[in-house]
Amino acid sequence: MPTLPHELLPCHSIIITQPTSQNTPVSNLRTFDLNLLVAFDVLMRELNVTRAAEQMFITQSAMSHVLHRLRQQLDDPLLVKTPTGMKPTERALALIEPIRAVLAEMEQFLQPPLEFEASSSQRRFVLAATDYMEFLLLPELSGLIDQISPGIDIHVKRTESSFPVTQLENGSLDVVLGFESVLNPPAHLQRQRLFSDRMACMVRQNHPLIKKPPLLAEYVESSHMLISRTGSNLGFIDQKLTELGLERRIKLIVPHFLSAPLIVAETDMILSLPYRIAEQFKKFAALEIFPVPIELPDYDLVMIWHPLRDKDPAHRWLREKIISIGRKINETALLPAGQSGRQ
């Protein structure tokens, strides 16, 4: 038998519009309290107000009131007392099967969505991410999907200067991945911290500064390389240096991470960048890493999505995979933080 939550039981029902007058038959769906359909079905099964009240978890008096309302809205007695008990009228008999069919269909509509079948899905997910997040997340995510979900496609777009709220809302974009402080997402969006990172310095092997931890003055006097997707010649470190009355020389600015390790490996420039990607770059070139000689906060890397897709099984499956990879990354220790004001 179809059931509804207690808050939707007839004794707590809500009329969509003003109810019809006491003697006016129902004329259309707008004036009919659909919550009464469940009560009608129970009454027709039990043919007894007391037993129907027990099934609905309400009092007999409340059930009698429900029957009274049904009679008003359907303009028919529905159940009539006879020497052998209550009997349904012809009108009631004619309504039993149609109403049960409607309730069964409604119950089907209200079932939770089916679990996402990743192995057979042809879904296409669209992610917005920086090349930093691509570098750290995409290899494992792509390998995982290739193994268990070969029909799923992943499309990665670059993050733009303005946050893509509209794309998340209309579904053309599934998630955004990046530094929370840089993305600065609107408060109404859902977010999940994936892992943290901190700035580090990367130089070629045998660079003079790696013989001992560099002093702040040595750091400032060196030539620097900067990765800036906007083309700005000032990074967060430069803002901190300005607060200390210092300035470094930015000798080379590039918009992407890809060329960075090869350039640093062939020059005396220092590249300050997130530690986790610096560690990956050591696999491709002869490089060394040391702490930035300035006290800087750690950064949170996050995943952002729209609450409209929070309960979507496929979307939730993708997020769980990304969260799992982020958790593994976060288990890797970071380089010790630099110290503020070392001269």
C-alpha atoms as a PDB file:
ATOM      1  CA  MET A   1       0.000   0.000   0.000  1.00  0.00           C
ATOM      2  CA  PRO A   2       1.440   3.407  -0.913  1.00  0.00           C
ATOM      3  CA  THR A   3       2.336   5.486   2.110  1.00  0.00           C
ATOM      4  CA  LEU A   4       3.281   9.097   2.607  1.00  0.00           C
ATOM      5  CA  PRO A   5       5.383  10.718   5.338  1.00  0.00           C
ATOM      6  CA  HIS A   6       3.527  11.760   8.478  1.00  0.00           C
ATOM      7  CA  GLU A   7       3.788  15.432   7.584  1.00  0.00           C
ATOM      8  CA  LEU A   8       1.678  14.691   4.475  1.00  0.00           C
ATOM      9  CA  LEU A   9      -1.041  12.735   6.250  1.00  0.00           C
ATOM     10  CA  PRO A  10      -4.597  14.050   5.752  1.00  0.00           C
ATOM     11  CA  CYS A  11      -4.880  15.417   9.248  1.00  0.00           C
ATOM     12  CA  HIS A  12      -2.039  17.827   8.405  1.00  0.00           C
ATOM     13  CA  SER A  13      -2.910  18.367   4.754  1.00  0.00           C
ATOM     14  CA  ILE A  14      -2.534  21.608   2.859  1.00  0.00           C
ATOM     15  CA  ILE A  15      -5.024  22.811   0.275  1.00  0.00           C
ATOM     16  CA  ILE A  16      -3.482  24.262  -2.861  1.00  0.00           C
ATOM     17  CA  THR A  17      -6.174  26.952  -3.199  1.00  0.00           C
ATOM     18  CA  GLN A  18      -9.157  27.987  -1.149  1.00  0.00           C
ATOM     19  CA  PRO A  19     -11.384  24.953  -0.481  1.00  0.00           C
ATOM     20  CA  THR A  20     -14.729  24.681  -2.190  1.00  0.00           C
ATOM     21  CA  SER A  21     -17.841  25.562  -0.257  1.00  0.00           C
ATOM     22  CA  GLN A  22     -19.405  22.803   1.822  1.00  0.00           C
ATOM     23  CA  ASN A  23     -21.947  21.718  -0.776  1.00  0.00           C
ATOM     24  CA  THR A  24     -19.973  22.411  -3.944  1.00  0.00           C
ATOM     25  CA  PRO A  25     -18.675  19.327  -5.807  1.00  0.00           C
ATOM     26  CA  VAL A  26     -15.047  19.218  -6.882  1.00  0.00           C
ATOM     27  CA  SER A  27     -14.665  20.896 -10.272  1.00  0.00           C
ATOM     28  CA  ASN A  28     -10.941  20.553 -11.036  1.00  0.00           C
ATOM     29  CA  LEU A  29      -7.622  19.376  -9.664  1.00  0.00           C
ATOM     30  CA  ARG A  30      -6.654  22.774  -8.255  1.00  0.00           C
ATOM     31  CA  THR A  31      -9.367  22.610  -5.605  1.00  0.00           C
ATOM     32  CA  PHE A  32      -8.803  18.997  -4.579  1.00  0.00           C
ATOM     33  CA  ASP A  33      -6.569  18.048  -1.663  1.00  0.00           C
ATOM     34  CA  LEU A  34      -4.419  15.304  -3.180  1.00  0.00           C
ATOM     35  CA  ASN A  35      -3.328  14.106   0.269  1.00  0.00           C
ATOM     36  CA  LEU A  36      -6.815  12.646   0.695  1.00  0.00           C
ATOM     37  CA  LEU A  37      -6.140  10.043  -1.989  1.00  0.00           C
ATOM     38  CA  VAL A  38      -4.005   8.010   0.406  1.00  0.00           C
ATOM     39  CA  ALA A  39      -6.792   8.087   2.999  1.00  0.00           C
ATOM     40  CA  PHE A  40      -9.346   7.055   0.370  1.00  0.00           C
ATOM     41  CA  ASP A  41      -7.228   4.030  -0.575  1.00  0.00           C
ATOM     42  CA  VAL A  42      -6.871   2.941   3.073  1.00  0.00           C
ATOM     43  CA  LEU A  43     -10.608   3.392   3.740  1.00  0.00           C
ATOM     44  CA  MET A  44     -11.500   1.301   0.697  1.00  0.00           C
ATOM     45  CA  ARG A  45      -9.139  -1.466   1.804  1.00  0.00           C
ATOM     46  CA  GLU A  46     -10.307  -1.572   5.411  1.00  0.00           C
ATOM     47  CA  LEU A  47     -13.987  -0.552   5.012  1.00  0.00           C
ATOM     48  CA  ASN A  48     -13.735   0.484   8.630  1.00  0.00           C
ATOM     49  CA  VAL A  49     -12.883   3.921  10.029  1.00  0.00           C
ATOM     50  CA  THR A  50     -11.197   2.606  13.174  1.00  0.00           C
ATOM     51  CA  ARG A  51      -8.908   0.202  11.337  1.00  0.00           C
ATOM     52  CA  ALA A  52      -8.168   2.828   8.687  1.00  0.00           C
ATOM     53  CA  ALA A  53      -7.160   5.274  11.451  1.00  0.00           C
ATOM     54  CA  GLU A  54      -4.741   2.682  12.825  1.00  0.00           C
ATOM     55  CA  GLN A  55      -3.199   2.208   9.395  1.00  0.00           C
ATOM     56  CA  MET A  56      -2.770   5.959   9.005  1.00  0.00           C
ATOM     57  CA  PHE A  57      -1.420   6.395  12.570  1.00  0.00           C
ATOM     58  CA  ILE A  58      -4.099   8.954  13.438  1.00  0.00           C
ATOM     59  CA  THR A  59      -7.069   8.950  15.826  1.00  0.00           C
ATOM     60  CA  GLN A  60     -10.495   7.627  14.899  1.00  0.00           C
ATOM     61  CA  SER A  61     -11.896  11.140  15.248  1.00  0.00           C
ATOM     62  CA  ALA A  62      -9.307  12.489  12.808  1.00  0.00           C
ATOM     63  CA  MET A  63     -10.117   9.680  10.360  1.00  0.00           C
ATOM     64  CA  SER A  64     -13.803  10.456  10.578  1.00  0.00           C
ATOM     65  CA  HIS A  65     -12.983  14.064   9.740  1.00  0.00           C
ATOM     66  CA  VAL A  66     -10.958  12.880   6.734  1.00  0.00           C
ATOM     67  CA  LEU A  67     -13.895  10.790   5.496  1.00  0.00           C
ATOM     68  CA  HIS A  68     -16.147  13.805   5.906  1.00  0.00           C
ATOM     69  CA  ARG A  69     -13.803  15.893   3.762  1.00  0.00           C
ATOM     70  CA  LEU A  70     -13.632  13.180   1.114  1.00  0.00           C
ATOM     71  CA  ARG A  71     -17.405  13.106   0.949  1.00  0.00           C
ATOM     72  CA  GLN A  72     -17.491  16.867   0.547  1.00  0.00           C
ATOM     73  CA  GLN A  73     -14.889  17.039  -2.175  1.00  0.00           C
ATOM     74  CA  LEU A  74     -16.181  14.034  -4.123  1.00  0.00           C
ATOM     75  CA  ASP A  75     -19.854  14.889  -3.511  1.00  0.00           C
ATOM     76  CA  ASP A  76     -20.625  11.284  -2.613  1.00  0.00           C
ATOM     77  CA  PRO A  77     -21.141   9.269   0.634  1.00  0.00           C
ATOM     78  CA  LEU A  78     -18.365   6.864  -0.460  1.00  0.00           C
ATOM     79  CA  LEU A  79     -18.905   4.529   2.518  1.00  0.00           C
ATOM     80  CA  VAL A  80     -22.393   3.682   3.800  1.00  0.00           C
ATOM     81  CA  LYS A  81     -23.301   1.823   7.018  1.00  0.00           C
ATOM     82  CA  THR A  82     -25.175  -1.443   6.474  1.00  0.00           C
ATOM     83  CA  PRO A  83     -26.169  -4.285   8.866  1.00  0.00           C
ATOM     84  CA  THR A  84     -23.060  -6.162   7.715  1.00  0.00           C
ATOM     85  CA  GLY A  85     -20.672  -3.225   7.980  1.00  0.00           C
ATOM     86  CA  MET A  86     -19.667  -0.263   5.814  1.00  0.00           C
ATOM     87  CA  LYS A  87     -20.001  -0.716   2.059  1.00  0.00           C
ATOM     88  CA  PRO A  88     -18.533   1.413  -0.768  1.00  0.00           C
ATOM     89  CA  THR A  89     -20.878   3.269  -3.067  1.00  0.00           C
ATOM     90  CA  GLU A  90     -20.823   2.846  -6.844  1.00  0.00           C
ATOM     91  CA  ARG A  91     -18.883   6.086  -7.095  1.00  0.00           C
ATOM     92  CA  ALA A  92     -16.306   4.794  -4.610  1.00  0.00           C
ATOM     93  CA  LEU A  93     -15.984   1.466  -6.435  1.00  0.00           C
ATOM     94  CA  ALA A  94     -15.385   3.280  -9.705  1.00  0.00           C
ATOM     95  CA  LEU A  95     -12.587   5.327  -8.140  1.00  0.00           C
ATOM     96  CA  ILE A  96     -10.677   2.556  -6.352  1.00  0.00           C
ATOM     97  CA  GLU A  97      -8.523   1.297  -9.230  1.00  0.00           C
ATOM     98  CA  PRO A  98      -7.813   4.701 -10.840  1.00  0.00           C
ATOM     99  CA  ILE A  99      -6.755   6.168  -7.489  1.00  0.00           C
ATOM    100  CA  ARG A 100      -4.552   3.172  -6.688  1.00  0.00           C
ATOM    101  CA  ALA A 101      -2.908   3.506 -10.097  1.00  0.00           C
ATOM    102  CA  VAL A 102      -2.225   7.205  -9.453  1.00  0.00           C
ATOM    103  CA  LEU A 103      -0.748   6.462  -6.009  1.00  0.00           C
ATOM    104  CA  ALA A 104       1.445   3.680  -7.393  1.00  0.00           C
ATOM    105  CA  GLU A 105       2.740   6.005 -10.091  1.00  0.00           C
ATOM    106  CA  MET A 106       3.391   8.773  -7.568  1.00  0.00           C
ATOM    107  CA  GLU A 107       5.281   6.338  -5.360  1.00  0.00           C
ATOM    108  CA  GLN A 108       7.408   5.407  -8.363  1.00  0.00           C
ATOM    109  CA  PHE A 109       8.127   9.086  -9.046  1.00  0.00           C
ATOM    110  CA  LEU A 110       9.194   9.615  -5.435  1.00  0.00           C
ATOM    111  CA  GLN A 111      11.664   6.722  -5.364  1.00  0.00           C
ATOM    112  CA  PRO A 112      15.294   7.811  -4.929  1.00  0.00           C
ATOM    113  CA  PRO A 113      17.289   7.903  -8.169  1.00  0.00           C
ATOM    114  CA  LEU A 114      18.982   4.720  -9.272  1.00  0.00           C
ATOM    115  CA  GLU A 115      22.607   4.196  -8.367  1.00  0.00           C
ATOM    116  CA  PHE A 116      25.078   5.388 -10.971  1.00  0.00           C
ATOM    117  CA  GLU A 117      26.356   2.497 -13.101  1.00  0.00           C
ATOM    118  CA  ALA A 118      29.831   3.780 -13.893  1.00  0.00           C
ATOM    119  CA  SER A 119      30.908   0.668 -15.785  1.00  0.00           C
ATOM    120  CA  SER A 120      28.240   1.148 -18.476  1.00  0.00           C
ATOM    121  CA  SER A 121      27.828   4.929 -18.393  1.00  0.00           C
ATOM    122  CA  GLN A 122      28.455   7.119 -21.443  1.00  0.00           C
ATOM    123  CA  ARG A 123      28.498  10.284 -19.332  1.00  0.00           C
ATOM    124  CA  ARG A 124      30.705  13.257 -20.183  1.00  0.00           C
ATOM    125  CA  PHE A 125      32.021  15.302 -17.267  1.00  0.00           C
ATOM    126  CA  VAL A 126      33.378  18.826 -17.695  1.00  0.00           C
ATOM    127  CA  LEU A 127      35.934  20.171 -15.212  1.00  0.00           C
ATOM    128  CA  ALA A 128      37.495  23.617 -14.932  1.00  0.00           C
ATOM    129  CA  ALA A 129      41.019  23.502 -13.536  1.00  0.00           C
ATOM    130  CA  THR A 130      44.410  25.152 -13.664  1.00  0.00           C
ATOM    131  CA  ASP A 131      47.332  23.249 -15.160  1.00  0.00           C
ATOM    132  CA  TYR A 132      48.529  22.789 -11.559  1.00  0.00           C
ATOM    133  CA  MET A 133      45.388  20.814 -10.668  1.00  0.00           C
ATOM    134  CA  GLU A 134      45.530  18.943 -13.976  1.00  0.00           C
ATOM    135  CA  PHE A 135      49.088  17.912 -13.205  1.00  0.00           C
ATOM    136  CA  LEU A 136      48.300  16.564  -9.738  1.00  0.00           C
ATOM    137  CA  LEU A 137      44.819  15.077 -10.211  1.00  0.00           C
ATOM    138  CA  LEU A 138      44.254  14.142 -13.848  1.00  0.00           C
ATOM    139  CA  PRO A 139      46.781  11.311 -14.266  1.00  0.00           C
ATOM    140  CA  GLU A 140      45.274   9.196 -11.490  1.00  0.00           C
ATOM    141  CA  LEU A 141      41.682  10.238 -12.232  1.00  0.00           C
ATOM    142  CA  SER A 142      42.068   9.400 -15.922  1.00  0.00           C
ATOM    143  CA  GLY A 143      43.667   6.049 -15.160  1.00  0.00           C
ATOM    144  CA  LEU A 144      40.925   5.174 -12.688  1.00  0.00           C
ATOM    145  CA  ILE A 145      38.137   6.064 -15.111  1.00  0.00           C
ATOM    146  CA  ASP A 146      39.861   4.215 -17.938  1.00  0.00           C
ATOM    147  CA  GLN A 147      39.893   1.046 -15.824  1.00  0.00           C
ATOM    148  CA  ILE A 148      36.412   1.030 -14.314  1.00  0.00           C
ATOM    149  CA  SER A 149      34.405   3.370 -16.563  1.00  0.00           C
ATOM    150  CA  PRO A 150      35.741   3.176 -20.136  1.00  0.00           C
ATOM    151  CA  GLY A 151      32.629   4.851 -21.575  1.00  0.00           C
ATOM    152  CA  ILE A 152      33.009   8.027 -19.488  1.00  0.00           C
ATOM    153  CA  ASP A 153      34.654  11.075 -21.083  1.00  0.00           C
ATOM    154  CA  ILE A 154      36.418  13.903 -19.244  1.00  0.00           C
ATOM    155  CA  HIS A 155      36.735  17.397 -20.710  1.00  0.00           C
ATOM    156  CA  VAL A 156      38.987  19.831 -18.835  1.00  0.00           C
ATOM    157  CA  LYS A 157      38.687  23.564 -19.399  1.00  0.00           C
ATOM    158  CA  ARG A 158      41.036  26.219 -18.098  1.00  0.00           C
ATOM    159  CA  THR A 159      39.823  28.364 -15.239  1.00  0.00           C
ATOM    160  CA  GLU A 160      39.025  31.937 -16.191  1.00  0.00           C
ATOM    161  CA  SER A 161      39.588  35.136 -14.256  1.00  0.00           C
ATOM    162  CA  SER A 162      35.871  35.421 -13.445  1.00  0.00           C
ATOM    163  CA  PHE A 163      34.329  32.547 -11.522  1.00  0.00           C
ATOM    164  CA  PRO A 164      32.028  30.419 -13.775  1.00  0.00           C
ATOM    165  CA  VAL A 165      28.855  30.585 -11.678  1.00  0.00           C
ATOM    166  CA  THR A 166      26.530  30.481 -14.699  1.00  0.00           C
ATOM    167  CA  GLN A 167      28.216  27.416 -16.200  1.00  0.00           C
ATOM    168  CA  LEU A 168      27.944  25.519 -12.914  1.00  0.00           C
ATOM    169  CA  GLU A 169      24.285  26.458 -12.614  1.00  0.00           C
ATOM    170  CA  ASN A 170      23.258  25.509 -16.169  1.00  0.00           C
ATOM    171  CA  GLY A 171      25.193  22.232 -16.047  1.00  0.00           C
ATOM    172  CA  SER A 172      27.711  22.990 -18.811  1.00  0.00           C
ATOM    173  CA  LEU A 173      30.388  22.686 -16.118  1.00  0.00           C
ATOM    174  CA  ASP A 174      30.417  20.028 -13.392  1.00  0.00           C
ATOM    175  CA  VAL A 175      33.146  21.096 -10.980  1.00  0.00           C
ATOM    176  CA  VAL A 176      35.820  23.749 -10.565  1.00  0.00           C
ATOM    177  CA  LEU A 177      39.202  22.781  -9.085  1.00  0.00           C
ATOM    178  CA  GLY A 178      41.775  25.183  -7.738  1.00  0.00           C
ATOM    179  CA  PHE A 179      43.113  27.338  -4.916  1.00  0.00           C
ATOM    180  CA  GLU A 180      40.195  28.523  -2.801  1.00  0.00           C
ATOM    181  CA  SER A 181      41.807  31.905  -2.131  1.00  0.00           C
ATOM    182  CA  VAL A 182      42.242  32.502  -5.861  1.00  0.00           C
ATOM    183  CA  LEU A 183      38.851  31.174  -6.968  1.00  0.00           C
ATOM    184  CA  ASN A 184      36.973  33.030  -4.210  1.00  0.00           C
ATOM    185  CA  PRO A 185      33.711  31.155  -5.009  1.00  0.00           C
ATOM    186  CA  PRO A 186      30.278  32.557  -4.057  1.00  0.00           C
ATOM    187  CA  ALA A 187      29.043  31.416  -0.661  1.00  0.00           C
ATOM    188  CA  HIS A 188      25.975  29.555  -1.995  1.00  0.00           C
ATOM    189  CA  LEU A 189      28.092  27.002  -3.883  1.00  0.00           C
ATOM    190  CA  GLN A 190      29.151  23.685  -2.393  1.00  0.00           C
ATOM    191  CA  ARG A 191      32.839  23.123  -1.775  1.00  0.00           C
ATOM    192  CA  GLN A 192      35.129  20.381  -0.538  1.00  0.00           C
ATOM    193  CA  ARG A 193      38.717  20.810   0.597  1.00  0.00           C
ATOM    194  CA  LEU A 194      40.908  18.316  -1.262  1.00  0.00           C
ATOM    195  CA  PHE A 195      44.413  18.988   0.086  1.00  0.00           C
ATOM    196  CA  SER A 196      46.721  21.812   1.139  1.00  0.00           C
ATOM    197  CA  ASP A 197      49.970  23.124  -0.287  1.00  0.00           C
ATOM    198  CA  ARG A 198      52.552  25.776   0.479  1.00  0.00           C
ATOM    199  CA  MET A 199      55.035  27.798  -1.531  1.00  0.00           C
ATOM    200  CA  ALA A 200      58.572  26.507  -2.047  1.00  0.00           C
ATOM    201  CA  CYS A 201      61.630  27.549  -4.030  1.00  0.00           C
ATOM    202  CA  MET A 202      62.971  25.484  -6.910  1.00  0.00           C
ATOM    203  CA  VAL A 203      66.451  25.867  -8.390  1.00  0.00           C
ATOM    204  CA  ARG A 204      68.838  23.808 -10.533  1.00  0.00           C
ATOM    205  CA  GLN A 205      71.076  21.260  -8.893  1.00  0.00           C
ATOM    206  CA  ASN A 206      74.357  22.691  -7.600  1.00  0.00           C
ATOM    207  CA  HIS A 207      72.844  26.151  -7.346  1.00  0.00           C
ATOM    208  CA  PRO A 208      74.842  28.305  -4.865  1.00  0.00           C
ATOM    209  CA  LEU A 209      71.793  28.847  -2.633  1.00  0.00           C
ATOM    210  CA  ILE A 210      71.271  25.168  -1.798  1.00  0.00           C
ATOM    211  CA  LYS A 211      74.535  24.779   0.121  1.00  0.00           C
ATOM    212  CA  LYS A 212      72.770  26.239   3.151  1.00  0.00           C
ATOM    213  CA  PRO A 213      69.276  27.621   3.777  1.00  0.00           C
ATOM    214  CA  PRO A 214      69.261  30.990   1.981  1.00  0.00           C
ATOM    215  CA  LEU A 215      68.838  34.201   3.875  1.00  0.00           C
ATOM    216  CA  LEU A 216      66.050  36.549   2.891  1.00  0.00           C
ATOM    217  CA  ALA A 217      68.587  39.044   1.500  1.00  0.00           C
ATOM    218  CA  GLU A 218      70.108  36.377  -0.722  1.00  0.00           C
ATOM    219  CA  TYR A 219      66.688  35.369  -1.932  1.00  0.00           C
ATOM    220  CA  VAL A 220      65.749  38.948  -2.839  1.00  0.00           C
ATOM    221  CA  GLU A 221      69.066  39.650  -4.595  1.00  0.00           C
ATOM    222  CA  SER A 222      68.686  36.610  -6.890  1.00  0.00           C
ATOM    223  CA  SER A 223      66.958  36.574 -10.271  1.00  0.00           C
ATOM    224  CA  HIS A 224      63.494  35.046 -10.271  1.00  0.00           C
ATOM    225  CA  MET A 225      61.119  33.324 -12.635  1.00  0.00           C
ATOM    226  CA  LEU A 226      57.360  33.841 -12.177  1.00  0.00           C
ATOM    227  CA  ILE A 227      54.433  31.774 -13.420  1.00  0.00           C
ATOM    228  CA  SER A 228      51.526  34.155 -14.034  1.00  0.00           C
ATOM    229  CA  ARG A 229      48.561  33.140 -16.150  1.00  0.00           C
ATOM    230  CA  THR A 230      47.338  36.756 -16.171  1.00  0.00           C
ATOM    231  CA  GLY A 231      50.699  38.201 -17.186  1.00  0.00           C
ATOM    232  CA  SER A 232      51.023  40.234 -13.997  1.00  0.00           C
ATOM    233  CA  ASN A 233      54.601  40.795 -12.848  1.00  0.00           C
ATOM    234  CA  LEU A 234      53.612  40.640  -9.189  1.00  0.00           C
ATOM    235  CA  GLY A 235      52.747  37.500  -7.248  1.00  0.00           C
ATOM    236  CA  PHE A 236      51.654  36.877  -3.675  1.00  0.00           C
ATOM    237  CA  ILE A 237      55.281  36.685  -2.560  1.00  0.00           C
ATOM    238  CA  ASP A 238      55.911  40.149  -3.995  1.00  0.00           C
ATOM    239  CA  GLN A 239      53.074  41.529  -1.904  1.00  0.00           C
ATOM    240  CA  LYS A 240      54.674  40.058   1.210  1.00  0.00           C
ATOM    241  CA  LEU A 241      58.058  41.449   0.241  1.00  0.00           C
ATOM    242  CA  THR A 242      56.536  44.904  -0.244  1.00  0.00           C
ATOM    243  CA  GLU A 243      55.182  44.736   3.326  1.00  0.00           C
ATOM    244  CA  LEU A 244      58.793  44.160   4.428  1.00  0.00           C
ATOM    245  CA  GLY A 245      60.048  47.056   2.279  1.00  0.00           C
ATOM    246  CA  LEU A 246      61.759  44.664  -0.142  1.00  0.00           C
ATOM    247  CA  GLU A 247      61.560  43.906  -3.849  1.00  0.00           C
ATOM    248  CA  ARG A 248      62.865  41.048  -5.978  1.00  0.00           C
ATOM    249  CA  ARG A 249      63.768  41.047  -9.658  1.00  0.00           C
ATOM    250  CA  ILE A 250      61.417  39.073 -11.896  1.00  0.00           C
ATOM    251  CA  LYS A 251      63.604  38.175 -14.866  1.00  0.00           C
ATOM    252  CA  LEU A 252      61.191  35.833 -16.660  1.00  0.00           C
ATOM    253  CA  ILE A 253      57.385  35.503 -16.645  1.00  0.00           C
ATOM    254  CA  VAL A 254      55.585  32.537 -18.243  1.00  0.00           C
ATOM    255  CA  PRO A 255      51.836  31.748 -18.251  1.00  0.00           C
ATOM    256  CA  HIS A 256      52.067  27.971 -17.684  1.00  0.00           C
ATOM    257  CA  PHE A 257      53.844  25.429 -15.499  1.00  0.00           C
ATOM    258  CA  LEU A 258      54.883  23.136 -18.371  1.00  0.00           C
ATOM    259  CA  SER A 259      58.157  24.822 -19.372  1.00  0.00           C
ATOM    260  CA  ALA A 260      59.157  25.824 -15.849  1.00  0.00           C
ATOM    261  CA  PRO A 261      61.322  22.867 -14.750  1.00  0.00           C
ATOM    262  CA  LEU A 262      63.336  22.817 -17.964  1.00  0.00           C
ATOM    263  CA  ILE A 263      64.006  26.556 -17.778  1.00  0.00           C
ATOM    264  CA  VAL A 264      65.016  26.487 -14.122  1.00  0.00           C
ATOM    265  CA  ALA A 265      67.300  23.501 -14.694  1.00  0.00           C
ATOM    266  CA  GLU A 266      69.315  25.534 -17.255  1.00  0.00           C
ATOM    267  CA  THR A 267      69.557  28.860 -15.404  1.00  0.00           C
ATOM    268  CA  ASP A 268      70.377  30.374 -12.013  1.00  0.00           C
ATOM    269  CA  MET A 269      66.837  31.733 -11.573  1.00  0.00           C
ATOM    270  CA  ILE A 270      64.715  30.849  -8.568  1.00  0.00           C
ATOM    271  CA  LEU A 271      61.132  29.751  -9.199  1.00  0.00           C
ATOM    272  CA  SER A 272      58.741  30.013  -6.257  1.00  0.00           C
ATOM    273  CA  LEU A 273      55.789  27.670  -6.741  1.00  0.00           C
ATOM    274  CA  PRO A 274      53.537  25.251  -4.825  1.00  0.00           C
ATOM    275  CA  TYR A 275      55.617  22.520  -3.192  1.00  0.00           C
ATOM    276  CA  ARG A 276      53.568  19.557  -4.423  1.00  0.00           C
ATOM    277  CA  ILE A 277      54.109  20.402  -8.068  1.00  0.00           C
ATOM    278  CA  ALA A 278      57.780  21.239  -7.434  1.00  0.00           C
ATOM    279  CA  GLU A 279      58.200  17.688  -6.121  1.00  0.00           C
ATOM    280  CA  GLN A 280      56.702  16.333  -9.350  1.00  0.00           C
ATOM    281  CA  PHE A 281      59.026  18.498 -11.453  1.00  0.00           C
ATOM    282  CA  LYS A 282      62.055  16.841  -9.850  1.00  0.00           C
ATOM    283  CA  LYS A 283      61.120  13.723 -11.849  1.00  0.00           C
ATOM    284  CA  PHE A 284      61.765  15.564 -15.118  1.00  0.00           C
ATOM    285  CA  ALA A 285      64.867  17.646 -14.453  1.00  0.00           C
ATOM    286  CA  ALA A 286      67.853  17.997 -12.114  1.00  0.00           C
ATOM    287  CA  LEU A 287      66.289  20.299  -9.545  1.00  0.00           C
ATOM    288  CA  GLU A 288      66.441  21.102  -5.834  1.00  0.00           C
ATOM    289  CA  ILE A 289      63.776  22.480  -3.496  1.00  0.00           C
ATOM    290  CA  PHE A 290      64.081  24.621  -0.377  1.00  0.00           C
ATOM    291  CA  PRO A 291      61.653  26.679   1.740  1.00  0.00           C
ATOM    292  CA  VAL A 292      60.763  30.243   0.835  1.00  0.00           C
ATOM    293  CA  PRO A 293      62.542  32.425   3.442  1.00  0.00           C
ATOM    294  CA  ILE A 294      59.303  34.253   4.233  1.00  0.00           C
ATOM    295  CA  GLU A 295      56.488  33.132   6.505  1.00  0.00           C
ATOM    296  CA  LEU A 296      53.529  32.392   4.204  1.00  0.00           C
ATOM    297  CA  PRO A 297      50.188  30.698   4.874  1.00  0.00           C
ATOM    298  CA  ASP A 298      49.333  27.292   3.454  1.00  0.00           C
ATOM    299  CA  TYR A 299      46.799  27.145   0.622  1.00  0.00           C
ATOM    300  CA  ASP A 300      43.694  24.988   0.444  1.00  0.00           C
ATOM    301  CA  LEU A 301      42.933  23.294  -2.856  1.00  0.00           C
ATOM    302  CA  VAL A 302      39.203  22.800  -3.259  1.00  0.00           C
ATOM    303  CA  MET A 303      36.519  21.358  -5.488  1.00  0.00           C
ATOM    304  CA  ILE A 304      33.447  23.533  -6.101  1.00  0.00           C
ATOM    305  CA  TRP A 305      30.074  22.514  -7.527  1.00  0.00           C
ATOM    306  CA  HIS A 306      26.503  23.770  -7.652  1.00  0.00           C
ATOM    307  CA  PRO A 307      23.995  22.520  -5.045  1.00  0.00           C
ATOM    308  CA  LEU A 308      21.588  21.726  -7.905  1.00  0.00           C
ATOM    309  CA  ARG A 309      23.741  18.671  -8.633  1.00  0.00           C
ATOM    310  CA  ASP A 310      24.612  17.789  -5.050  1.00  0.00           C
ATOM    311  CA  LYS A 311      22.390  14.662  -4.986  1.00  0.00           C
ATOM    312  CA  ASP A 312      22.888  13.583  -8.592  1.00  0.00           C
ATOM    313  CA  PRO A 313      24.300  10.002  -8.428  1.00  0.00           C
ATOM    314  CA  ALA A 314      26.679  10.441 -11.372  1.00  0.00           C
ATOM    315  CA  HIS A 315      27.931  13.780 -10.105  1.00  0.00           C
ATOM    316  CA  ARG A 316      28.389  12.375  -6.613  1.00  0.00           C
ATOM    317  CA  TRP A 317      30.373   9.451  -8.072  1.00  0.00           C
ATOM    318  CA  LEU A 318      32.775  11.850  -9.826  1.00  0.00           C
ATOM    319  CA  ARG A 319      33.223  13.947  -6.692  1.00  0.00           C
ATOM    320  CA  GLU A 320      33.969  10.875  -4.589  1.00  0.00           C
ATOM    321  CA  LYS A 321      36.724   9.834  -6.986  1.00  0.00           C
ATOM    322  CA  ILE A 322      38.295  13.306  -6.910  1.00  0.00           C
ATOM    323  CA  ILE A 323      38.023  13.497  -3.112  1.00  0.00           C
ATOM    324  CA  SER A 324      39.707  10.098  -2.800  1.00  0.00           C
ATOM    325  CA  ILE A 325      42.657  11.245  -4.937  1.00  0.00           C
ATOM    326  CA  GLY A 326      42.881  14.518  -2.997  1.00  0.00           C
ATOM    327  CA  ARG A 327      42.982  12.586   0.278  1.00  0.00           C
ATOM    328  CA  LYS A 328      45.960  10.559  -0.942  1.00  0.00           C
ATOM    329  CA  ILE A 329      47.788  13.722  -2.006  1.00  0.00           C
ATOM    330  CA  ASN A 330      47.109  15.308   1.374  1.00  0.00           C
ATOM    331  CA  GLU A 331      48.741  12.380   3.153  1.00  0.00           C
ATOM    332  CA  THR A 332      52.104  13.396   1.648  1.00  0.00           C
ATOM    333  CA  ALA A 333      54.042  15.678   3.996  1.00  0.00           C
ATOM    334  CA  LEU A 334      54.846  19.235   2.972  1.00  0.00           C
ATOM    335  CA  LEU A 335      58.220  20.959   3.037  1.00  0.00           C
ATOM    336  CA  PRO A 336      58.853  22.778   6.362  1.00  0.00           C
ATOM    337  CA  ALA A 337      57.568  26.338   6.233  1.00  0.00           C
ATOM    338  CA  GLY A 338      59.960  29.266   5.810  1.00  0.00           C
ATOM    339  CA  GLN A 339      60.657  31.814   8.542  1.00  0.00           C
ATOM    340  CA  SER A 340      59.587  35.434   8.510  1.00  0.00           C
ATOM    341  CA  GLY A 341      62.097  38.248   8.445  1.00  0.00           C
ATOM    342  CA  ARG A 342      65.311  36.216   8.163  1.00  0.00           C
ATOM    343  CA  GLN A 343      67.954  38.633   6.899  1.00  0.00           C
END
